[in-house]
Structure formats: structure tokens, C-alpha cells
Amino acid sequence: MGELFDKAKGKLKEAAGALTGDRKLEAEGKADKAKGDIKGKFEDAKRAVKDTVDSSTPRRDEP
């Protein structure tokens, strides 16, 4: 969920920076978008590891 907020915030900052000619604000927006992308990839990796661990753990009713 945090990655979506960072991406949205980044898009707004980037657009505002481009509109006003503020290169620093535009760069902050790009950084926030990248931060959101990284958070999203990290969450995907955590989910994949959890799914792998959960699928390899036998249930009690399985031999």
C-alpha cells in the first residue's frame, strides 16, 4: 500500500515540477516514484518467498 502512495506522490511532484520549471521538485518526484517501485518489488519478493515456504510445508493431514 505504501508503494502506491509513493508512486502517486512522485507523479504529482514530477508534474508540478515540470509545470513550474522547478527541476529540484521534478527530481524529487522521480525519486519518490523510484522509491515506490522498489517498495513494490520488495513486497512482491516477500510474497513469493512466503508462498514458496507455505507450499513446501506439509499440512497435518498430508503424509
Protein backbone atom coordinates (compact mmCIF):
# COMPACT_ATOMS: atom_id res chain seq x y z
CA MET A 1 0.00 0.00 0.00
CA GLY A 2 2.85 2.37 0.78
CA GLU A 3 4.29 1.89 -2.67
CA LEU A 4 1.09 3.21 -4.25
CA PHE A 5 1.24 6.34 -2.11
CA ASP A 6 4.88 6.95 -3.03
CA LYS A 7 4.18 6.47 -6.73
CA ALA A 8 1.21 8.86 -6.66
CA LYS A 9 3.14 11.43 -4.65
CA GLY A 10 6.02 11.12 -7.07
CA LYS A 11 3.82 11.64 -10.10
CA LEU A 12 2.30 14.76 -8.55
CA LYS A 13 5.67 16.22 -7.61
CA GLU A 14 7.13 15.41 -11.00
CA ALA A 15 4.19 17.01 -12.81
CA ALA A 16 4.25 20.08 -10.57
CA GLY A 17 7.98 20.46 -11.07
CA ALA A 18 7.66 20.16 -14.83
CA LEU A 19 4.79 22.64 -14.90
CA THR A 20 6.58 25.26 -12.80
CA GLY A 21 10.06 24.60 -14.14
CA ASP A 22 11.30 23.52 -10.71
CA ARG A 23 13.88 20.89 -11.58
CA LYS A 24 14.51 20.01 -7.94
CA LEU A 25 10.82 19.22 -7.34
CA GLU A 26 10.73 17.21 -10.55
CA ALA A 27 13.77 15.20 -9.41
CA GLU A 28 12.14 14.60 -6.00
CA GLY A 29 9.10 13.26 -7.82
CA LYS A 30 11.20 10.87 -9.86
CA ALA A 31 12.92 9.70 -6.67
CA ASP A 32 9.58 9.14 -4.94
CA LYS A 33 8.34 7.11 -7.91
CA ALA A 34 11.50 5.01 -7.84
CA LYS A 35 11.07 4.52 -4.10
CA GLY A 36 7.53 3.26 -4.72
CA ASP A 37 8.75 0.90 -7.42
CA ILE A 38 11.40 -0.52 -5.09
CA LYS A 39 8.87 -0.99 -2.30
CA GLY A 40 6.56 -2.79 -4.71
CA LYS A 41 9.33 -5.13 -5.90
CA PHE A 42 10.32 -5.85 -2.31
CA GLU A 43 6.71 -6.71 -1.39
CA ASP A 44 6.47 -8.99 -4.43
CA ALA A 45 9.65 -10.78 -3.38
CA LYS A 46 8.40 -11.19 0.20
CA ARG A 47 5.12 -12.61 -1.09
CA ALA A 48 6.94 -15.07 -3.39
CA VAL A 49 9.15 -16.31 -0.56
CA LYS A 50 6.15 -16.69 1.75
CA ASP A 51 4.22 -18.61 -0.92
CA THR A 52 7.19 -20.90 -1.51
CA VAL A 53 7.64 -21.60 2.19
CA ASP A 54 3.92 -22.14 2.73
CA SER A 55 3.63 -24.53 -0.23
CA SER A 56 6.60 -26.63 0.87
CA THR A 57 5.34 -27.06 4.43
CA PRO A 58 3.17 -30.18 4.60
CA ARG A 59 -0.23 -29.94 6.20
CA ARG A 60 -1.09 -32.16 9.15
CA ASP A 61 -3.43 -34.34 7.09
CA GLU A 62 -0.82 -34.92 4.36
CA PRO A 63 1.59 -37.87 4.64
